[in-house]
Amino acid sequence: METQSQALHPSAAGLVRDDEDVRDDMAYFRKLGIPYEPKSLVEVLTRHKPKSAMPIACHSLADMRAMEAIPVLKSLVDFPMQDVKATSVLAVARLCGKVETPWLVECLTRKGTLKGYVLWALAAVADPRAYAAVKAWFVPQLWKLERNPEGDSRGNVVFAVAYLEQMTQHYPEVSELLERFRKVAPQLPGNIPSELAFFTRMFSEWEANPPKRKRDA
């Protein structure tokens, strides 16, 4: 699995789970008295009980390749718990890949979804069909950041960049947008530069040499 993750784009590699993760999840559900099998974990998501177990059930079902869980996972994308919103959309991406690109694109404009995690799912899937939607989301954000680098405190833009950098062969015009972003990126606040280093290729050198903001220089 490690070898596989090394060949993936960083946004997709970030979703790869190892055997220790699975063992931890099995132990977690064992303590709750819930069998670690698709039927029982789908029931956790359907009944919303226990709520604290729902995020773990989402990625466990993806680990199991439980395709029967897709309908309930999709129903949770605007659930009133952020961890559930996040893990459900990522689980759908892991299970379905490009098959669910139209649904992921819909989630990008749907009220109540976590846009950063939808963009992460789209970056991991890397389907060129999503380009128009991601570009439509990204361009206004880029304008905002060019005026005020503090304008994306959540760092949603990280995964838009992770997606767009994979589209340069399909849509050469994206290179100009990425170059505009490159100019503002060193001034982004908080953990955003380190997330760019971890989840993108164009900023991977920042892992060893993080940028200094002008105010910190």
N, C-alpha and C. Protein backbone atom coordinates (compact mmCIF):
# COMPACT_ATOMS: atom_id res chain seq x y z
N MET A 1 0.83 -1.20 0.00
CA MET A 1 0.00 0.00 0.00
C MET A 1 0.86 1.25 0.00
N GLU A 2 1.99 1.19 0.70
CA GLU A 2 2.90 2.33 0.74
C GLU A 2 3.45 2.62 -0.66
N THR A 3 3.83 1.56 -1.38
CA THR A 3 4.34 1.75 -2.74
C THR A 3 3.29 2.38 -3.62
N GLN A 4 2.05 1.94 -3.49
CA GLN A 4 0.96 2.49 -4.26
C GLN A 4 0.78 3.97 -3.95
N SER A 5 0.82 4.35 -2.68
CA SER A 5 0.59 5.73 -2.30
C SER A 5 1.69 6.64 -2.83
N GLN A 6 2.93 6.10 -2.96
CA GLN A 6 4.02 6.91 -3.47
C GLN A 6 3.81 7.27 -4.93
N ALA A 7 3.07 6.45 -5.68
CA ALA A 7 2.84 6.71 -7.10
C ALA A 7 1.65 7.62 -7.32
N LEU A 8 0.85 7.84 -6.32
CA LEU A 8 -0.36 8.65 -6.44
C LEU A 8 -0.04 10.13 -6.32
N HIS A 9 -0.97 10.94 -6.83
CA HIS A 9 -0.89 12.37 -6.54
C HIS A 9 -1.03 12.54 -5.03
N PRO A 10 -0.37 13.54 -4.45
CA PRO A 10 -0.44 13.69 -2.98
C PRO A 10 -1.85 13.78 -2.42
N SER A 11 -2.78 14.38 -3.16
CA SER A 11 -4.15 14.47 -2.65
C SER A 11 -4.81 13.10 -2.56
N ALA A 12 -4.49 12.21 -3.48
CA ALA A 12 -5.02 10.84 -3.42
C ALA A 12 -4.26 10.01 -2.40
N ALA A 13 -2.94 10.21 -2.33
CA ALA A 13 -2.15 9.47 -1.35
C ALA A 13 -2.59 9.79 0.07
N GLY A 14 -3.09 11.00 0.27
CA GLY A 14 -3.56 11.40 1.60
C GLY A 14 -4.77 10.63 2.08
N LEU A 15 -5.43 9.93 1.16
CA LEU A 15 -6.60 9.13 1.53
C LEU A 15 -6.27 7.66 1.75
N VAL A 16 -5.04 7.28 1.48
CA VAL A 16 -4.65 5.87 1.64
C VAL A 16 -4.50 5.55 3.12
N ARG A 17 -5.15 4.48 3.53
CA ARG A 17 -5.08 4.04 4.94
C ARG A 17 -4.33 2.71 5.00
N ASP A 18 -3.63 2.52 6.10
CA ASP A 18 -2.82 1.31 6.20
C ASP A 18 -3.48 0.29 7.13
N ASP A 19 -2.82 -0.85 7.31
CA ASP A 19 -3.39 -1.92 8.11
C ASP A 19 -3.58 -1.52 9.57
N GLU A 20 -2.70 -0.67 10.06
CA GLU A 20 -2.84 -0.22 11.45
C GLU A 20 -4.11 0.60 11.63
N ASP A 21 -4.42 1.45 10.64
CA ASP A 21 -5.67 2.22 10.70
C ASP A 21 -6.87 1.28 10.80
N VAL A 22 -6.85 0.24 9.97
CA VAL A 22 -7.98 -0.70 9.96
C VAL A 22 -8.07 -1.43 11.30
N ARG A 23 -6.94 -1.85 11.84
CA ARG A 23 -6.96 -2.54 13.14
C ARG A 23 -7.50 -1.62 14.24
N ASP A 24 -7.13 -0.36 14.19
CA ASP A 24 -7.65 0.59 15.18
C ASP A 24 -9.16 0.71 15.08
N ASP A 25 -9.67 0.75 13.84
CA ASP A 25 -11.11 0.86 13.65
C ASP A 25 -11.83 -0.40 14.12
N MET A 26 -11.25 -1.55 13.85
CA MET A 26 -11.85 -2.81 14.31
C MET A 26 -11.93 -2.83 15.83
N ALA A 27 -10.86 -2.38 16.49
CA ALA A 27 -10.85 -2.35 17.96
C ALA A 27 -11.87 -1.35 18.49
N TYR A 28 -12.01 -0.23 17.79
CA TYR A 28 -12.98 0.80 18.21
C TYR A 28 -14.40 0.24 18.20
N PHE A 29 -14.78 -0.41 17.10
CA PHE A 29 -16.14 -0.93 17.01
C PHE A 29 -16.33 -2.15 17.92
N ARG A 30 -15.27 -2.89 18.18
CA ARG A 30 -15.36 -4.00 19.11
C ARG A 30 -15.73 -3.49 20.51
N LYS A 31 -15.12 -2.40 20.92
CA LYS A 31 -15.44 -1.81 22.23
C LYS A 31 -16.89 -1.34 22.30
N LEU A 32 -17.42 -0.92 21.15
CA LEU A 32 -18.82 -0.47 21.12
C LEU A 32 -19.80 -1.63 20.99
N GLY A 33 -19.28 -2.84 20.78
CA GLY A 33 -20.15 -3.99 20.59
C GLY A 33 -20.81 -4.01 19.23
N ILE A 34 -20.20 -3.35 18.25
CA ILE A 34 -20.74 -3.29 16.89
C ILE A 34 -19.87 -4.13 15.96
N PRO A 35 -20.45 -5.12 15.29
CA PRO A 35 -19.65 -5.94 14.39
C PRO A 35 -18.99 -5.09 13.30
N TYR A 36 -17.74 -5.40 13.01
CA TYR A 36 -17.01 -4.67 11.97
C TYR A 36 -17.32 -5.32 10.63
N GLU A 37 -18.49 -5.02 10.12
CA GLU A 37 -18.92 -5.54 8.82
C GLU A 37 -19.90 -4.54 8.21
N PRO A 38 -20.04 -4.53 6.88
CA PRO A 38 -20.80 -3.46 6.21
C PRO A 38 -22.21 -3.27 6.72
N LYS A 39 -22.96 -4.36 6.91
CA LYS A 39 -24.35 -4.21 7.32
C LYS A 39 -24.48 -3.42 8.61
N SER A 40 -23.65 -3.74 9.59
CA SER A 40 -23.73 -3.07 10.89
C SER A 40 -23.29 -1.61 10.80
N LEU A 41 -22.27 -1.33 9.99
CA LEU A 41 -21.78 0.04 9.90
C LEU A 41 -22.73 0.91 9.07
N VAL A 42 -23.36 0.33 8.08
CA VAL A 42 -24.41 1.06 7.35
C VAL A 42 -25.54 1.41 8.30
N GLU A 43 -25.87 0.50 9.21
CA GLU A 43 -26.93 0.76 10.19
C GLU A 43 -26.55 1.93 11.11
N VAL A 44 -25.27 2.01 11.49
CA VAL A 44 -24.81 3.16 12.29
C VAL A 44 -25.10 4.46 11.56
N LEU A 45 -24.82 4.48 10.26
CA LEU A 45 -25.04 5.70 9.48
C LEU A 45 -26.51 5.97 9.25
N THR A 46 -27.29 4.94 9.07
CA THR A 46 -28.72 5.10 8.81
C THR A 46 -29.47 5.59 10.04
N ARG A 47 -29.10 5.04 11.20
CA ARG A 47 -29.78 5.40 12.45
C ARG A 47 -29.16 6.64 13.11
N HIS A 48 -27.99 7.04 12.63
CA HIS A 48 -27.25 8.17 13.24
C HIS A 48 -26.90 7.88 14.69
N LYS A 49 -26.63 6.62 14.99
CA LYS A 49 -26.31 6.22 16.36
C LYS A 49 -25.23 5.13 16.34
N PRO A 50 -24.23 5.29 17.19
CA PRO A 50 -23.88 6.51 17.92
C PRO A 50 -23.25 7.53 16.97
N LYS A 51 -23.60 8.80 17.16
CA LYS A 51 -23.11 9.84 16.26
C LYS A 51 -21.59 9.90 16.24
N SER A 52 -20.96 9.66 17.38
CA SER A 52 -19.50 9.74 17.44
C SER A 52 -18.82 8.69 16.58
N ALA A 53 -19.55 7.61 16.27
CA ALA A 53 -18.98 6.52 15.47
C ALA A 53 -19.18 6.73 13.97
N MET A 54 -19.99 7.70 13.60
CA MET A 54 -20.34 7.85 12.19
C MET A 54 -19.14 8.17 11.29
N PRO A 55 -18.25 9.09 11.66
CA PRO A 55 -17.10 9.34 10.78
C PRO A 55 -16.22 8.10 10.58
N ILE A 56 -16.03 7.33 11.65
CA ILE A 56 -15.20 6.13 11.54
C ILE A 56 -15.90 5.08 10.70
N ALA A 57 -17.23 5.02 10.82
CA ALA A 57 -17.98 4.09 9.97
C ALA A 57 -17.84 4.46 8.50
N CYS A 58 -17.81 5.74 8.20
CA CYS A 58 -17.68 6.18 6.80
C CYS A 58 -16.40 5.66 6.18
N HIS A 59 -15.26 5.95 6.83
CA HIS A 59 -14.03 5.52 6.16
C HIS A 59 -13.80 4.01 6.30
N SER A 60 -14.40 3.39 7.32
CA SER A 60 -14.30 1.93 7.41
C SER A 60 -15.05 1.25 6.25
N LEU A 61 -16.19 1.80 5.90
CA LEU A 61 -16.95 1.24 4.77
C LEU A 61 -16.17 1.39 3.46
N ALA A 62 -15.45 2.50 3.33
CA ALA A 62 -14.60 2.66 2.15
C ALA A 62 -13.46 1.65 2.17
N ASP A 63 -12.89 1.41 3.35
CA ASP A 63 -11.84 0.38 3.47
C ASP A 63 -12.36 -0.98 3.04
N MET A 64 -13.61 -1.27 3.36
CA MET A 64 -14.20 -2.57 3.04
C MET A 64 -14.66 -2.67 1.58
N ARG A 65 -14.57 -1.56 0.86
CA ARG A 65 -15.11 -1.49 -0.51
C ARG A 65 -16.58 -1.85 -0.53
N ALA A 66 -17.31 -1.33 0.45
CA ALA A 66 -18.73 -1.66 0.63
C ALA A 66 -19.58 -0.77 -0.27
N MET A 67 -19.77 -1.19 -1.52
CA MET A 67 -20.51 -0.39 -2.48
C MET A 67 -21.96 -0.18 -2.08
N GLU A 68 -22.47 -1.11 -1.28
CA GLU A 68 -23.86 -0.96 -0.84
C GLU A 68 -24.06 0.22 0.09
N ALA A 69 -22.96 0.80 0.58
CA ALA A 69 -23.05 1.95 1.48
C ALA A 69 -23.15 3.27 0.74
N ILE A 70 -22.99 3.27 -0.57
CA ILE A 70 -22.93 4.54 -1.31
C ILE A 70 -24.17 5.40 -1.10
N PRO A 71 -25.39 4.88 -1.18
CA PRO A 71 -26.56 5.75 -1.00
C PRO A 71 -26.58 6.46 0.35
N VAL A 72 -26.29 5.75 1.43
CA VAL A 72 -26.33 6.41 2.73
C VAL A 72 -25.15 7.38 2.89
N LEU A 73 -24.01 7.04 2.33
CA LEU A 73 -22.87 7.97 2.39
C LEU A 73 -23.21 9.27 1.67
N LYS A 74 -23.82 9.18 0.51
CA LYS A 74 -24.19 10.37 -0.25
C LYS A 74 -25.23 11.21 0.48
N SER A 75 -26.07 10.56 1.26
CA SER A 75 -27.11 11.29 1.99
C SER A 75 -26.56 12.12 3.14
N LEU A 76 -25.29 11.87 3.52
CA LEU A 76 -24.72 12.52 4.69
C LEU A 76 -23.84 13.72 4.35
N VAL A 77 -23.78 14.09 3.08
CA VAL A 77 -22.84 15.13 2.67
C VAL A 77 -23.16 16.50 3.26
N ASP A 78 -24.43 16.70 3.69
CA ASP A 78 -24.78 17.95 4.37
C ASP A 78 -25.30 17.67 5.79
N PHE A 79 -24.87 16.57 6.37
CA PHE A 79 -25.24 16.21 7.73
C PHE A 79 -24.73 17.28 8.70
N PRO A 80 -25.48 17.58 9.76
CA PRO A 80 -25.07 18.65 10.68
C PRO A 80 -23.96 18.28 11.65
N MET A 81 -22.93 17.60 11.15
CA MET A 81 -21.70 17.33 11.89
C MET A 81 -20.56 17.38 10.89
N GLN A 82 -19.59 18.26 11.13
CA GLN A 82 -18.56 18.47 10.13
C GLN A 82 -17.76 17.21 9.83
N ASP A 83 -17.42 16.43 10.85
CA ASP A 83 -16.64 15.21 10.62
C ASP A 83 -17.39 14.22 9.73
N VAL A 84 -18.70 14.18 9.89
CA VAL A 84 -19.52 13.27 9.06
C VAL A 84 -19.57 13.77 7.63
N LYS A 85 -19.78 15.07 7.45
CA LYS A 85 -19.76 15.64 6.09
C LYS A 85 -18.45 15.31 5.39
N ALA A 86 -17.36 15.49 6.10
CA ALA A 86 -16.03 15.31 5.51
C ALA A 86 -15.79 13.86 5.15
N THR A 87 -16.00 12.96 6.10
CA THR A 87 -15.66 11.55 5.85
C THR A 87 -16.61 10.90 4.86
N SER A 88 -17.86 11.34 4.81
CA SER A 88 -18.80 10.73 3.87
C SER A 88 -18.43 11.06 2.43
N VAL A 89 -18.09 12.32 2.15
CA VAL A 89 -17.76 12.68 0.77
C VAL A 89 -16.45 12.03 0.33
N LEU A 90 -15.49 11.94 1.24
CA LEU A 90 -14.24 11.28 0.89
C LEU A 90 -14.44 9.78 0.68
N ALA A 91 -15.32 9.18 1.47
CA ALA A 91 -15.60 7.75 1.30
C ALA A 91 -16.24 7.48 -0.06
N VAL A 92 -17.14 8.35 -0.49
CA VAL A 92 -17.75 8.18 -1.82
C VAL A 92 -16.68 8.26 -2.90
N ALA A 93 -15.77 9.22 -2.77
CA ALA A 93 -14.69 9.35 -3.76
C ALA A 93 -13.82 8.10 -3.78
N ARG A 94 -13.50 7.56 -2.60
CA ARG A 94 -12.66 6.36 -2.54
C ARG A 94 -13.37 5.16 -3.15
N LEU A 95 -14.66 5.05 -2.92
CA LEU A 95 -15.40 3.90 -3.42
C LEU A 95 -15.70 3.99 -4.91
N CYS A 96 -16.00 5.18 -5.39
CA CYS A 96 -16.57 5.32 -6.74
C CYS A 96 -15.63 5.94 -7.76
N GLY A 97 -14.66 6.72 -7.30
CA GLY A 97 -13.79 7.38 -8.25
C GLY A 97 -14.57 8.29 -9.19
N LYS A 98 -14.22 8.22 -10.48
CA LYS A 98 -14.81 9.14 -11.46
C LYS A 98 -16.29 8.89 -11.73
N VAL A 99 -16.78 7.73 -11.32
CA VAL A 99 -18.20 7.44 -11.54
C VAL A 99 -19.09 8.49 -10.89
N GLU A 100 -18.67 9.00 -9.74
CA GLU A 100 -19.49 9.97 -9.02
C GLU A 100 -19.02 11.42 -9.21
N THR A 101 -18.24 11.68 -10.26
CA THR A 101 -17.83 13.07 -10.52
C THR A 101 -19.02 14.01 -10.65
N PRO A 102 -20.07 13.69 -11.38
CA PRO A 102 -21.21 14.62 -11.46
C PRO A 102 -21.80 14.96 -10.08
N TRP A 103 -21.87 13.96 -9.21
CA TRP A 103 -22.39 14.22 -7.86
C TRP A 103 -21.43 15.10 -7.08
N LEU A 104 -20.13 14.86 -7.18
CA LEU A 104 -19.15 15.70 -6.48
C LEU A 104 -19.22 17.14 -6.98
N VAL A 105 -19.39 17.32 -8.28
CA VAL A 105 -19.53 18.67 -8.84
C VAL A 105 -20.77 19.34 -8.27
N GLU A 106 -21.85 18.59 -8.16
CA GLU A 106 -23.08 19.14 -7.56
C GLU A 106 -22.82 19.56 -6.12
N CYS A 107 -22.05 18.77 -5.38
CA CYS A 107 -21.76 19.09 -3.98
C CYS A 107 -20.95 20.38 -3.85
N LEU A 108 -20.19 20.73 -4.89
CA LEU A 108 -19.37 21.93 -4.84
C LEU A 108 -20.22 23.19 -4.81
N THR A 109 -21.42 23.12 -5.33
CA THR A 109 -22.31 24.28 -5.33
C THR A 109 -23.49 24.11 -4.38
N ARG A 110 -23.57 22.99 -3.73
CA ARG A 110 -24.70 22.68 -2.85
C ARG A 110 -24.52 23.32 -1.49
N LYS A 111 -25.58 23.90 -0.96
CA LYS A 111 -25.53 24.52 0.35
C LYS A 111 -25.34 23.46 1.43
N GLY A 112 -24.48 23.78 2.41
CA GLY A 112 -24.32 22.91 3.57
C GLY A 112 -23.20 21.89 3.46
N THR A 113 -22.51 21.86 2.33
CA THR A 113 -21.39 20.92 2.18
C THR A 113 -20.08 21.59 2.59
N LEU A 114 -19.08 20.78 2.90
CA LEU A 114 -17.75 21.30 3.23
C LEU A 114 -16.94 21.37 1.94
N LYS A 115 -16.81 22.57 1.41
CA LYS A 115 -16.22 22.74 0.08
C LYS A 115 -14.78 22.23 0.03
N GLY A 116 -14.01 22.42 1.11
CA GLY A 116 -12.64 21.94 1.11
C GLY A 116 -12.55 20.44 0.92
N TYR A 117 -13.45 19.69 1.55
CA TYR A 117 -13.42 18.23 1.44
C TYR A 117 -13.99 17.76 0.11
N VAL A 118 -14.96 18.49 -0.43
CA VAL A 118 -15.44 18.17 -1.78
C VAL A 118 -14.31 18.36 -2.78
N LEU A 119 -13.57 19.46 -2.63
CA LEU A 119 -12.43 19.71 -3.51
C LEU A 119 -11.35 18.66 -3.32
N TRP A 120 -11.14 18.21 -2.09
CA TRP A 120 -10.18 17.14 -1.85
C TRP A 120 -10.60 15.88 -2.62
N ALA A 121 -11.88 15.54 -2.53
CA ALA A 121 -12.39 14.37 -3.25
C ALA A 121 -12.17 14.54 -4.76
N LEU A 122 -12.45 15.72 -5.28
CA LEU A 122 -12.27 15.97 -6.71
C LEU A 122 -10.80 15.89 -7.11
N ALA A 123 -9.92 16.40 -6.24
CA ALA A 123 -8.49 16.33 -6.53
C ALA A 123 -8.00 14.89 -6.54
N ALA A 124 -8.49 14.09 -5.59
CA ALA A 124 -8.08 12.69 -5.52
C ALA A 124 -8.56 11.91 -6.74
N VAL A 125 -9.77 12.23 -7.20
CA VAL A 125 -10.33 11.54 -8.37
C VAL A 125 -9.70 12.04 -9.66
N ALA A 126 -9.44 13.36 -9.72
CA ALA A 126 -8.75 13.98 -10.86
C ALA A 126 -9.45 13.73 -12.20
N ASP A 127 -10.73 13.93 -12.23
CA ASP A 127 -11.51 13.76 -13.45
C ASP A 127 -11.57 15.09 -14.20
N PRO A 128 -11.08 15.14 -15.44
CA PRO A 128 -11.14 16.40 -16.20
C PRO A 128 -12.54 16.96 -16.37
N ARG A 129 -13.56 16.13 -16.24
CA ARG A 129 -14.94 16.61 -16.40
C ARG A 129 -15.32 17.62 -15.34
N ALA A 130 -14.60 17.65 -14.23
CA ALA A 130 -14.92 18.58 -13.15
C ALA A 130 -14.24 19.93 -13.34
N TYR A 131 -13.44 20.07 -14.38
CA TYR A 131 -12.62 21.28 -14.53
C TYR A 131 -13.44 22.56 -14.51
N ALA A 132 -14.50 22.63 -15.27
CA ALA A 132 -15.29 23.86 -15.36
C ALA A 132 -15.82 24.27 -13.99
N ALA A 133 -16.29 23.30 -13.23
CA ALA A 133 -16.84 23.60 -11.90
C ALA A 133 -15.75 24.05 -10.94
N VAL A 134 -14.60 23.37 -10.95
CA VAL A 134 -13.53 23.75 -10.03
C VAL A 134 -12.98 25.12 -10.42
N LYS A 135 -12.81 25.36 -11.71
CA LYS A 135 -12.34 26.67 -12.16
C LYS A 135 -13.32 27.76 -11.74
N ALA A 136 -14.62 27.51 -11.91
CA ALA A 136 -15.63 28.50 -11.53
C ALA A 136 -15.57 28.80 -10.04
N TRP A 137 -15.24 27.80 -9.23
CA TRP A 137 -15.09 28.03 -7.79
C TRP A 137 -13.79 28.76 -7.50
N PHE A 138 -12.72 28.39 -8.19
CA PHE A 138 -11.38 28.87 -7.87
C PHE A 138 -11.15 30.33 -8.28
N VAL A 139 -11.62 30.73 -9.43
CA VAL A 139 -11.30 32.07 -9.94
C VAL A 139 -11.73 33.17 -8.97
N PRO A 140 -12.97 33.18 -8.46
CA PRO A 140 -13.32 34.22 -7.49
C PRO A 140 -12.47 34.15 -6.22
N GLN A 141 -12.11 32.93 -5.80
CA GLN A 141 -11.25 32.80 -4.63
C GLN A 141 -9.86 33.38 -4.89
N LEU A 142 -9.36 33.17 -6.09
CA LEU A 142 -8.06 33.72 -6.45
C LEU A 142 -8.09 35.24 -6.45
N TRP A 143 -9.13 35.80 -7.01
CA TRP A 143 -9.27 37.26 -6.98
C TRP A 143 -9.27 37.77 -5.54
N LYS A 144 -10.03 37.07 -4.70
CA LYS A 144 -10.11 37.48 -3.29
C LYS A 144 -8.73 37.43 -2.62
N LEU A 145 -7.99 36.36 -2.88
CA LEU A 145 -6.68 36.20 -2.26
C LEU A 145 -5.67 37.21 -2.80
N GLU A 146 -5.81 37.58 -4.05
CA GLU A 146 -4.91 38.59 -4.61
C GLU A 146 -5.13 39.95 -3.96
N ARG A 147 -6.36 40.19 -3.55
CA ARG A 147 -6.66 41.45 -2.83
C ARG A 147 -6.31 41.34 -1.35
N ASN A 148 -6.56 40.14 -0.79
CA ASN A 148 -6.34 39.93 0.65
C ASN A 148 -5.95 38.48 0.90
N PRO A 149 -4.66 38.20 1.11
CA PRO A 149 -4.22 36.82 1.32
C PRO A 149 -4.84 36.14 2.53
N GLU A 150 -5.47 36.92 3.42
CA GLU A 150 -6.13 36.34 4.59
C GLU A 150 -7.55 35.87 4.27
N GLY A 151 -7.95 35.95 3.00
CA GLY A 151 -9.34 35.73 2.64
C GLY A 151 -9.82 34.30 2.62
N ASP A 152 -8.96 33.32 2.86
CA ASP A 152 -9.37 31.91 2.87
C ASP A 152 -8.79 31.24 4.10
N SER A 153 -9.31 31.59 5.25
CA SER A 153 -8.74 31.09 6.51
C SER A 153 -8.87 29.58 6.65
N ARG A 154 -9.84 28.97 5.96
CA ARG A 154 -10.02 27.52 6.06
C ARG A 154 -9.08 26.75 5.14
N GLY A 155 -8.46 27.42 4.21
CA GLY A 155 -7.55 26.74 3.31
C GLY A 155 -8.23 25.88 2.25
N ASN A 156 -9.48 26.19 1.92
CA ASN A 156 -10.17 25.41 0.90
C ASN A 156 -9.45 25.43 -0.43
N VAL A 157 -8.73 26.52 -0.67
CA VAL A 157 -8.05 26.69 -1.95
C VAL A 157 -6.97 25.63 -2.18
N VAL A 158 -6.46 25.03 -1.11
CA VAL A 158 -5.39 24.03 -1.24
C VAL A 158 -5.79 22.92 -2.20
N PHE A 159 -6.99 22.38 -2.04
CA PHE A 159 -7.38 21.23 -2.84
C PHE A 159 -7.86 21.64 -4.23
N ALA A 160 -8.29 22.88 -4.39
CA ALA A 160 -8.55 23.37 -5.74
C ALA A 160 -7.26 23.40 -6.54
N VAL A 161 -6.18 23.87 -5.91
CA VAL A 161 -4.87 23.87 -6.56
C VAL A 161 -4.41 22.44 -6.83
N ALA A 162 -4.64 21.54 -5.87
CA ALA A 162 -4.26 20.13 -6.05
C ALA A 162 -4.97 19.52 -7.26
N TYR A 163 -6.22 19.90 -7.46
CA TYR A 163 -6.96 19.43 -8.64
C TYR A 163 -6.43 20.09 -9.91
N LEU A 164 -6.33 21.40 -9.89
CA LEU A 164 -6.00 22.14 -11.11
C LEU A 164 -4.61 21.81 -11.63
N GLU A 165 -3.66 21.54 -10.75
CA GLU A 165 -2.31 21.23 -11.24
C GLU A 165 -2.27 19.92 -12.02
N GLN A 166 -3.29 19.10 -11.84
CA GLN A 166 -3.37 17.84 -12.59
C GLN A 166 -4.07 18.00 -13.94
N MET A 167 -4.55 19.20 -14.20
CA MET A 167 -5.33 19.45 -15.42
C MET A 167 -4.56 20.19 -16.50
N THR A 168 -3.29 20.48 -16.28
CA THR A 168 -2.56 21.32 -17.23
C THR A 168 -2.46 20.69 -18.62
N GLN A 169 -2.37 19.36 -18.69
CA GLN A 169 -2.31 18.72 -20.01
C GLN A 169 -3.65 18.77 -20.72
N HIS A 170 -4.73 18.74 -19.96
CA HIS A 170 -6.07 18.78 -20.56
C HIS A 170 -6.50 20.20 -20.88
N TYR A 171 -6.13 21.14 -20.02
CA TYR A 171 -6.54 22.54 -20.15
C TYR A 171 -5.32 23.44 -19.93
N PRO A 172 -4.53 23.70 -20.98
CA PRO A 172 -3.31 24.49 -20.82
C PRO A 172 -3.53 25.86 -20.18
N GLU A 173 -4.73 26.40 -20.33
CA GLU A 173 -5.02 27.73 -19.77
C GLU A 173 -4.86 27.76 -18.25
N VAL A 174 -4.95 26.59 -17.61
CA VAL A 174 -4.89 26.57 -16.15
C VAL A 174 -3.51 27.00 -15.64
N SER A 175 -2.50 26.87 -16.47
CA SER A 175 -1.15 27.25 -16.04
C SER A 175 -1.08 28.71 -15.64
N GLU A 176 -1.80 29.56 -16.34
CA GLU A 176 -1.80 30.99 -16.01
C GLU A 176 -2.44 31.24 -14.65
N LEU A 177 -3.53 30.53 -14.37
CA LEU A 177 -4.17 30.67 -13.06
C LEU A 177 -3.25 30.20 -11.94
N LEU A 178 -2.56 29.10 -12.17
CA LEU A 178 -1.67 28.57 -11.14
C LEU A 178 -0.47 29.50 -10.91
N GLU A 179 0.00 30.15 -11.97
CA GLU A 179 1.10 31.10 -11.79
C GLU A 179 0.64 32.32 -11.00
N ARG A 180 -0.58 32.76 -11.23
CA ARG A 180 -1.12 33.86 -10.41
C ARG A 180 -1.20 33.43 -8.95
N PHE A 181 -1.63 32.19 -8.72
CA PHE A 181 -1.71 31.70 -7.35
C PHE A 181 -0.33 31.57 -6.73
N ARG A 182 0.65 31.15 -7.51
CA ARG A 182 2.00 30.98 -6.99
C ARG A 182 2.52 32.29 -6.38
N LYS A 183 2.14 33.41 -6.97
CA LYS A 183 2.63 34.70 -6.50
C LYS A 183 2.06 35.07 -5.13
N VAL A 184 0.82 34.67 -4.88
CA VAL A 184 0.19 35.04 -3.61
C VAL A 184 0.39 33.98 -2.53
N ALA A 185 0.70 32.75 -2.94
CA ALA A 185 0.75 31.62 -2.00
C ALA A 185 1.67 31.84 -0.81
N PRO A 186 2.88 32.43 -0.97
CA PRO A 186 3.74 32.59 0.20
C PRO A 186 3.17 33.47 1.30
N GLN A 187 2.17 34.27 0.97
CA GLN A 187 1.58 35.18 1.96
C GLN A 187 0.32 34.61 2.63
N LEU A 188 -0.04 33.38 2.29
CA LEU A 188 -1.25 32.80 2.88
C LEU A 188 -1.01 32.47 4.35
N PRO A 189 -2.06 32.59 5.17
CA PRO A 189 -1.89 32.49 6.62
C PRO A 189 -1.90 31.07 7.17
N GLY A 190 -1.53 30.98 8.43
CA GLY A 190 -1.69 29.74 9.20
C GLY A 190 -0.98 28.54 8.60
N ASN A 191 -1.71 27.42 8.55
CA ASN A 191 -1.15 26.16 8.08
C ASN A 191 -1.29 25.97 6.57
N ILE A 192 -1.83 26.96 5.88
CA ILE A 192 -2.08 26.78 4.45
C ILE A 192 -0.80 26.47 3.66
N PRO A 193 0.31 27.18 3.88
CA PRO A 193 1.53 26.81 3.15
C PRO A 193 1.98 25.37 3.40
N SER A 194 1.88 24.90 4.64
CA SER A 194 2.29 23.52 4.91
C SER A 194 1.33 22.53 4.28
N GLU A 195 0.04 22.87 4.19
CA GLU A 195 -0.91 21.99 3.51
C GLU A 195 -0.66 21.96 2.01
N LEU A 196 -0.29 23.11 1.44
CA LEU A 196 0.09 23.14 0.03
C LEU A 196 1.30 22.25 -0.21
N ALA A 197 2.26 22.29 0.71
CA ALA A 197 3.45 21.45 0.59
C ALA A 197 3.11 19.97 0.63
N PHE A 198 2.14 19.61 1.46
CA PHE A 198 1.81 18.20 1.67
C PHE A 198 0.89 17.65 0.57
N PHE A 199 -0.06 18.47 0.10
CA PHE A 199 -1.10 17.96 -0.79
C PHE A 199 -0.92 18.31 -2.26
N THR A 200 0.08 19.11 -2.60
CA THR A 200 0.30 19.45 -4.01
C THR A 200 1.72 19.11 -4.42
N ARG A 201 1.92 19.05 -5.71
CA ARG A 201 3.27 18.83 -6.24
C ARG A 201 3.99 20.16 -6.48
N MET A 202 3.24 21.18 -6.89
CA MET A 202 3.91 22.42 -7.27
C MET A 202 4.52 23.15 -6.07
N PHE A 203 4.08 22.81 -4.87
CA PHE A 203 4.64 23.43 -3.67
C PHE A 203 5.34 22.41 -2.77
N SER A 204 5.68 21.25 -3.31
CA SER A 204 6.26 20.19 -2.47
C SER A 204 7.59 20.60 -1.85
N GLU A 205 8.31 21.51 -2.52
CA GLU A 205 9.61 21.94 -1.97
C GLU A 205 9.45 22.70 -0.66
N TRP A 206 8.25 23.17 -0.38
CA TRP A 206 8.01 23.91 0.87
C TRP A 206 8.09 23.01 2.09
N GLU A 207 8.02 21.69 1.92
CA GLU A 207 8.16 20.80 3.08
C GLU A 207 9.52 20.99 3.73
N ALA A 208 10.54 21.14 2.91
CA ALA A 208 11.89 21.34 3.44
C ALA A 208 12.23 22.81 3.65
N ASN A 209 11.66 23.67 2.80
CA ASN A 209 11.96 25.11 2.87
C ASN A 209 10.67 25.91 2.85
N PRO A 210 9.96 25.99 3.97
CA PRO A 210 8.70 26.74 4.00
C PRO A 210 8.94 28.21 3.71
N PRO A 211 7.96 28.86 3.07
CA PRO A 211 8.13 30.27 2.72
C PRO A 211 8.03 31.15 3.96
N LYS A 212 8.62 32.32 3.87
CA LYS A 212 8.48 33.31 4.92
C LYS A 212 7.55 34.42 4.43
N ARG A 213 6.55 34.71 5.23
CA ARG A 213 5.67 35.82 4.87
C ARG A 213 6.45 37.12 5.03
N LYS A 214 6.04 38.13 4.28
CA LYS A 214 6.76 39.41 4.31
C LYS A 214 6.86 39.97 5.71
N ARG A 215 5.79 39.83 6.48
CA ARG A 215 5.79 40.37 7.84
C ARG A 215 6.73 39.61 8.76
N ASP A 216 7.04 38.33 8.35
CA ASP A 216 7.93 37.50 9.19
C ASP A 216 9.38 37.55 8.73
N ALA A 217 9.60 38.11 7.54
CA ALA A 217 10.95 38.10 6.98
C ALA A 217 11.87 39.03 7.76
